N, C-alpha and C. Protein backbone atom coordinates (compact mmCIF):
# COMPACT_ATOMS: atom_id res chain seq x y z
N MET A 1 8.57 -9.71 14.53
CA MET A 1 7.28 -10.87 14.78
C MET A 1 7.80 -12.20 14.40
N LYS A 2 7.58 -13.04 15.19
CA LYS A 2 8.02 -14.05 14.33
C LYS A 2 6.73 -15.59 15.02
N GLY A 3 6.84 -16.37 13.95
CA GLY A 3 5.47 -17.30 14.02
C GLY A 3 4.08 -16.59 13.16
N TYR A 4 2.91 -17.15 13.72
CA TYR A 4 1.70 -16.55 13.02
C TYR A 4 0.92 -15.97 13.52
N ALA A 5 0.28 -15.00 12.49
CA ALA A 5 -0.62 -14.03 12.95
C ALA A 5 -2.33 -14.31 11.87
N SER A 6 -3.28 -13.37 12.23
CA SER A 6 -4.61 -13.83 11.17
C SER A 6 -4.99 -12.21 11.45
N LEU A 7 -5.11 -11.90 10.12
CA LEU A 7 -5.40 -10.53 9.54
C LEU A 7 -6.65 -9.94 10.64
N ALA A 8 -7.62 -10.81 11.24
CA ALA A 8 -8.47 -10.47 11.56
C ALA A 8 -8.09 -9.84 12.77
N THR A 9 -6.93 -10.51 13.24
CA THR A 9 -6.51 -9.78 14.55
C THR A 9 -5.29 -8.67 14.83
N LEU A 10 -5.04 -8.19 13.40
CA LEU A 10 -4.15 -7.36 13.53
C LEU A 10 -4.63 -5.80 13.94
N PRO A 11 -4.29 -4.68 14.67
CA PRO A 11 -4.79 -3.97 14.52
C PRO A 11 -4.78 -3.25 13.49
N GLU A 12 -6.01 -2.32 13.22
CA GLU A 12 -6.51 -1.45 12.09
C GLU A 12 -5.92 -0.06 12.61
N GLU A 13 -5.49 0.82 11.53
CA GLU A 13 -4.93 2.52 11.88
C GLU A 13 -6.25 2.59 10.81
N THR A 14 -6.68 3.97 11.09
CA THR A 14 -7.46 4.85 10.17
C THR A 14 -6.86 5.77 9.66
N ILE A 15 -6.89 6.13 8.24
CA ILE A 15 -5.68 7.43 8.14
C ILE A 15 -6.68 8.00 7.50
N GLY A 16 -7.23 9.56 7.72
CA GLY A 16 -8.04 10.08 7.28
C GLY A 16 -9.57 9.50 7.39
N ASP A 17 -10.47 9.64 6.15
CA ASP A 17 -11.78 8.92 6.14
C ASP A 17 -12.01 8.09 5.26
N LYS A 18 -10.46 7.67 4.02
CA LYS A 18 -11.11 6.91 3.20
C LYS A 18 -10.08 5.72 3.19
N ILE A 19 -9.03 5.69 4.12
CA ILE A 19 -8.04 4.98 3.93
C ILE A 19 -7.46 4.16 5.42
N THR A 20 -8.13 2.74 5.38
CA THR A 20 -7.37 1.94 6.48
C THR A 20 -6.35 0.86 6.62
N ARG A 21 -5.69 0.40 7.23
CA ARG A 21 -4.45 -0.14 6.91
C ARG A 21 -4.00 -1.48 8.14
N LYS A 22 -3.62 -2.55 7.77
CA LYS A 22 -3.07 -3.29 8.58
C LYS A 22 -2.13 -3.86 8.06
N ILE A 23 -0.84 -3.62 9.50
CA ILE A 23 0.51 -3.81 9.12
C ILE A 23 0.99 -5.00 9.80
N LEU A 24 1.75 -6.17 9.08
CA LEU A 24 2.35 -7.31 9.72
C LEU A 24 3.76 -6.91 9.47
N VAL A 25 4.88 -7.02 10.76
CA VAL A 25 6.29 -6.71 10.33
C VAL A 25 6.72 -7.71 10.67
N GLY A 26 7.92 -8.19 9.86
CA GLY A 26 9.29 -9.06 10.26
C GLY A 26 10.78 -8.44 10.44
N GLU A 27 11.57 -8.93 10.64
CA GLU A 27 12.88 -8.67 10.32
C GLU A 27 13.03 -7.74 9.10
N LYS A 28 12.78 -8.82 7.93
CA LYS A 28 13.23 -8.11 6.56
C LYS A 28 12.17 -7.54 5.73
N GLU A 29 11.18 -7.46 6.17
CA GLU A 29 9.95 -7.11 5.19
C GLU A 29 8.91 -6.96 5.76
N MET A 30 7.83 -6.00 5.26
CA MET A 30 6.48 -6.01 6.27
C MET A 30 5.95 -6.07 5.09
N VAL A 31 4.19 -6.75 5.49
CA VAL A 31 2.95 -6.73 4.53
C VAL A 31 1.91 -5.84 5.30
N VAL A 32 1.32 -5.38 4.22
CA VAL A 32 0.56 -4.35 4.16
C VAL A 32 -0.99 -4.22 3.78
N PHE A 33 -1.87 -4.48 4.39
CA PHE A 33 -3.30 -4.62 3.92
C PHE A 33 -3.81 -3.62 3.87
N TRP A 34 -4.23 -3.01 3.02
CA TRP A 34 -4.98 -1.50 2.46
C TRP A 34 -6.72 -1.68 2.30
N LYS A 35 -7.52 -1.20 2.80
CA LYS A 35 -8.72 -0.61 2.56
C LYS A 35 -8.67 0.67 2.32
N MET A 36 -9.20 1.07 0.92
CA MET A 36 -9.54 2.07 0.17
C MET A 36 -10.90 2.42 -0.33
N LYS A 37 -10.92 3.69 0.38
CA LYS A 37 -12.46 3.97 -0.34
C LYS A 37 -12.39 4.29 -1.19
N ALA A 38 -13.50 4.43 -2.08
CA ALA A 38 -13.45 5.48 -3.60
C ALA A 38 -13.16 6.70 -3.05
N GLY A 39 -12.43 7.53 -4.23
CA GLY A 39 -11.64 8.39 -3.99
C GLY A 39 -10.58 8.90 -3.50
N ALA A 40 -9.75 7.49 -2.71
CA ALA A 40 -8.51 7.65 -1.54
C ALA A 40 -7.55 7.89 -2.87
N ARG A 41 -6.39 8.29 -2.23
CA ARG A 41 -5.14 8.61 -3.54
C ARG A 41 -4.03 8.62 -2.86
N ALA A 42 -2.89 8.20 -3.52
CA ALA A 42 -1.56 8.11 -2.89
C ALA A 42 -1.03 8.66 -4.13
N ALA A 43 -0.32 10.42 -3.05
CA ALA A 43 -0.01 11.04 -4.06
C ALA A 43 1.49 10.52 -4.62
N MET A 44 2.11 11.25 -5.82
CA MET A 44 3.24 10.61 -6.15
C MET A 44 4.53 10.64 -5.05
N HIS A 45 5.21 9.56 -4.93
CA HIS A 45 6.37 9.60 -3.84
C HIS A 45 7.19 8.65 -4.53
N GLN A 46 8.05 8.54 -3.56
CA GLN A 46 9.08 7.24 -3.82
C GLN A 46 10.00 7.29 -2.79
N HIS A 47 10.01 5.45 -2.33
CA HIS A 47 10.94 5.24 -1.28
C HIS A 47 12.34 4.43 -1.70
N PRO A 48 13.30 4.26 -0.78
CA PRO A 48 14.55 3.19 -1.24
C PRO A 48 13.63 1.67 -0.89
N HIS A 49 12.50 1.71 -0.48
CA HIS A 49 11.80 0.28 -0.38
C HIS A 49 11.61 -0.52 -1.67
N GLU A 50 11.96 -1.96 -2.09
CA GLU A 50 10.90 -2.37 -2.95
C GLU A 50 9.54 -2.77 -2.55
N GLN A 51 8.81 -2.69 -3.43
CA GLN A 51 7.26 -3.03 -3.17
C GLN A 51 6.75 -4.06 -3.89
N ILE A 52 6.02 -4.84 -3.66
CA ILE A 52 5.14 -5.61 -4.62
C ILE A 52 3.38 -5.17 -4.23
N PHE A 53 2.74 -5.23 -4.92
CA PHE A 53 1.42 -4.94 -4.35
C PHE A 53 0.76 -6.26 -5.43
N TRP A 54 -0.37 -6.45 -4.85
CA TRP A 54 -1.20 -7.25 -4.91
C TRP A 54 -2.88 -6.97 -4.96
N MET A 55 -3.72 -6.74 -5.66
CA MET A 55 -5.14 -6.46 -6.02
C MET A 55 -5.41 -7.23 -5.72
N LEU A 56 -6.56 -7.18 -4.64
CA LEU A 56 -7.56 -8.14 -4.30
C LEU A 56 -8.59 -7.93 -4.50
N SER A 57 -9.38 -6.72 -4.66
CA SER A 57 -10.84 -6.41 -5.12
C SER A 57 -10.87 -4.90 -5.80
N GLY A 58 -11.50 -4.08 -6.25
CA GLY A 58 -11.82 -3.13 -6.75
C GLY A 58 -11.05 -2.62 -7.51
N ARG A 59 -10.68 -1.23 -7.74
CA ARG A 59 -9.73 -0.65 -9.39
C ARG A 59 -8.62 0.75 -8.55
N MET A 60 -7.52 0.31 -9.37
CA MET A 60 -6.51 1.40 -9.00
C MET A 60 -6.31 2.11 -10.25
N GLU A 61 -5.91 3.36 -10.13
CA GLU A 61 -5.43 3.99 -11.49
C GLU A 61 -3.98 4.43 -10.82
N PHE A 62 -2.96 3.98 -11.79
CA PHE A 62 -1.53 3.40 -11.25
C PHE A 62 -0.68 3.87 -12.36
N THR A 63 0.29 4.76 -11.49
CA THR A 63 1.39 5.52 -12.44
C THR A 63 2.56 5.05 -11.75
N LEU A 64 3.77 4.23 -12.72
CA LEU A 64 4.74 3.83 -11.98
C LEU A 64 5.99 4.20 -13.25
N GLY A 65 6.42 5.11 -12.57
CA GLY A 65 8.21 5.75 -13.73
C GLY A 65 7.58 6.12 -15.32
N GLY A 66 5.90 7.15 -14.60
CA GLY A 66 5.09 7.78 -16.11
C GLY A 66 4.53 6.61 -16.91
N GLU A 67 4.62 5.33 -16.60
CA GLU A 67 3.66 5.05 -17.32
C GLU A 67 2.38 4.38 -16.48
N LYS A 68 0.73 4.80 -16.88
CA LYS A 68 -0.25 4.70 -16.25
C LYS A 68 -0.98 3.25 -16.68
N ARG A 69 -1.29 2.82 -15.74
CA ARG A 69 -1.98 1.70 -15.79
C ARG A 69 -3.33 1.47 -14.97
N THR A 70 -4.33 0.63 -15.38
CA THR A 70 -5.84 0.55 -14.60
C THR A 70 -5.42 -0.96 -13.82
N CYS A 71 -5.46 -1.13 -12.67
CA CYS A 71 -5.09 -2.62 -12.16
C CYS A 71 -6.31 -3.34 -11.42
N VAL A 72 -6.97 -4.06 -11.47
CA VAL A 72 -8.15 -4.63 -11.28
C VAL A 72 -7.45 -6.15 -10.05
N ALA A 73 -8.45 -6.83 -9.69
CA ALA A 73 -8.44 -7.76 -8.51
C ALA A 73 -7.32 -8.81 -9.46
N GLY A 74 -6.86 -9.31 -8.74
CA GLY A 74 -5.51 -10.39 -9.43
C GLY A 74 -4.67 -9.65 -9.78
N ASP A 75 -4.40 -8.23 -10.47
CA ASP A 75 -3.19 -8.15 -10.72
C ASP A 75 -2.19 -7.78 -9.73
N LEU A 76 -1.35 -7.58 -10.08
CA LEU A 76 0.02 -7.54 -9.43
C LEU A 76 1.22 -7.00 -10.08
N GLY A 77 2.09 -6.20 -9.32
CA GLY A 77 3.14 -5.32 -9.64
C GLY A 77 3.95 -5.16 -8.69
N VAL A 78 5.44 -5.03 -9.63
CA VAL A 78 6.95 -4.78 -8.80
C VAL A 78 7.12 -3.08 -8.82
N ILE A 79 7.72 -2.65 -8.02
CA ILE A 79 7.84 -1.25 -7.89
C ILE A 79 9.43 -1.34 -7.15
N PRO A 80 10.33 -1.04 -8.00
CA PRO A 80 12.13 -0.96 -7.32
C PRO A 80 11.84 0.34 -6.45
N GLY A 81 12.84 -0.02 -5.74
CA GLY A 81 13.09 1.20 -4.86
C GLY A 81 13.61 2.71 -5.71
N ASN A 82 13.33 3.68 -4.88
CA ASN A 82 13.39 4.99 -5.81
C ASN A 82 12.58 4.93 -6.66
N THR A 83 11.59 4.64 -6.91
CA THR A 83 11.13 4.52 -8.85
C THR A 83 9.72 5.26 -7.99
N PRO A 84 9.37 6.70 -8.58
CA PRO A 84 8.31 7.26 -8.27
C PRO A 84 7.15 7.05 -8.88
N HIS A 85 5.91 6.73 -7.80
CA HIS A 85 4.57 6.34 -8.36
C HIS A 85 3.74 6.84 -7.76
N GLU A 86 2.47 6.70 -8.06
CA GLU A 86 1.18 7.40 -7.28
C GLU A 86 -0.36 6.51 -7.95
N ALA A 87 -1.32 6.56 -7.28
CA ALA A 87 -2.32 5.48 -7.09
C ALA A 87 -3.42 6.63 -6.68
N SER A 88 -4.43 6.31 -7.49
CA SER A 88 -6.11 6.78 -6.97
C SER A 88 -7.00 5.44 -7.06
N PHE A 89 -7.88 5.75 -6.15
CA PHE A 89 -8.90 4.59 -6.28
C PHE A 89 -10.19 4.92 -6.35
N PRO A 90 -10.94 5.09 -7.89
CA PRO A 90 -11.92 5.21 -7.98
C PRO A 90 -13.35 4.62 -7.28
N GLU A 91 -12.93 3.33 -6.73
CA GLU A 91 -13.61 2.53 -6.06
C GLU A 91 -13.41 2.15 -4.92
N ASP A 92 -14.11 1.57 -4.38
CA ASP A 92 -13.64 0.89 -2.78
C ASP A 92 -12.57 -0.38 -3.36
N THR A 93 -11.54 -0.25 -2.87
CA THR A 93 -10.61 -1.24 -3.20
C THR A 93 -10.12 -2.20 -1.79
N GLU A 94 -9.48 -3.13 -2.06
CA GLU A 94 -8.73 -3.84 -0.81
C GLU A 94 -7.18 -4.14 -1.79
N VAL A 95 -6.02 -3.99 -1.07
CA VAL A 95 -4.93 -4.03 -1.63
C VAL A 95 -3.85 -4.92 -0.69
N ILE A 96 -2.81 -5.73 -1.12
CA ILE A 96 -1.75 -6.00 -0.10
C ILE A 96 -0.62 -5.35 -0.59
N ASP A 97 0.31 -4.79 0.18
CA ASP A 97 1.75 -4.53 -0.35
C ASP A 97 2.60 -5.07 0.34
N VAL A 98 3.55 -5.47 0.09
CA VAL A 98 5.00 -6.05 0.64
C VAL A 98 5.64 -4.94 0.31
N PHE A 99 6.33 -4.64 1.75
CA PHE A 99 7.89 -3.74 1.36
C PHE A 99 9.17 -4.56 2.16
N ALA A 100 10.12 -4.49 1.31
CA ALA A 100 11.40 -5.03 1.51
C ALA A 100 12.49 -3.66 1.55
N PRO A 101 13.27 -3.55 2.92
CA PRO A 101 12.80 -3.84 3.91
C PRO A 101 12.10 -2.93 4.90
N PRO A 102 11.43 -3.27 6.12
CA PRO A 102 10.36 -2.80 6.67
C PRO A 102 10.32 -1.18 6.46
N ARG A 103 9.23 -0.54 6.46
CA ARG A 103 9.03 1.27 6.39
C ARG A 103 9.20 1.75 7.77
N ALA A 104 9.87 1.71 8.29
CA ALA A 104 9.85 2.50 9.72
C ALA A 104 9.19 3.85 9.15
N ASP A 105 9.25 4.78 8.23
CA ASP A 105 8.43 6.20 8.08
C ASP A 105 6.81 5.71 8.25
N MET A 106 6.31 4.62 8.04
CA MET A 106 5.28 4.66 8.25
C MET A 106 4.52 3.92 9.81
N PHE A 107 5.39 4.03 10.48
CA PHE A 107 5.30 4.31 12.24
C PHE A 107 5.86 5.78 12.84
N GLU A 108 6.10 6.82 11.73
CA GLU A 108 6.85 7.76 12.03
C GLU A 108 5.97 8.78 11.77
N GLY A 109 4.95 8.55 10.76
CA GLY A 109 4.47 9.67 10.34
C GLY A 109 4.87 10.41 9.08
N GLY A 110 5.89 9.51 8.83
CA GLY A 110 6.37 9.97 7.29
C GLY A 110 5.64 9.87 6.02
N ASP A 111 4.57 8.94 6.29
CA ASP A 111 3.75 8.65 4.92
C ASP A 111 2.94 9.68 4.22
N THR A 112 3.37 11.03 4.29
CA THR A 112 2.29 12.09 4.35
C THR A 112 1.86 12.43 2.69
N TYR A 113 2.27 11.33 1.71
CA TYR A 113 1.92 11.18 0.68
C TYR A 113 0.37 10.42 0.66
N LEU A 114 -0.32 10.06 1.23
CA LEU A 114 -1.59 9.43 1.53
C LEU A 114 -2.69 10.39 1.70
N GLY A 115 -3.80 10.20 0.85
CA GLY A 115 -4.81 11.12 1.24
C GLY A 115 -5.76 11.22 2.44
N ARG A 116 -5.33 12.06 3.06
CA ARG A 116 -5.79 11.90 4.57
C ARG A 116 -7.17 12.78 4.61
């Protein structure tokens, strides 16, 4: 995509009964806006893409390379490529992820680690 977008008009994808996401893809990176309901989780996984997360609201119990941390609104983190990580969401949470390069597996059903 080139140009501008509005979060309100991006298509929303529902994943199971606890996760929705909206994706904006550029040539070299992509942004994902997630809404996680309480009880949602992303099981331990890794991918070659660098990932940056930005917590907008709620709480995320996060494990990155063996280090556990509770993340809340305003927290950010960098996940290097090929680093194992997992997350659980004990309350409703909104978070933004930026991936570089874009993750084709999200469009091909390869993100099976998400609690569906």
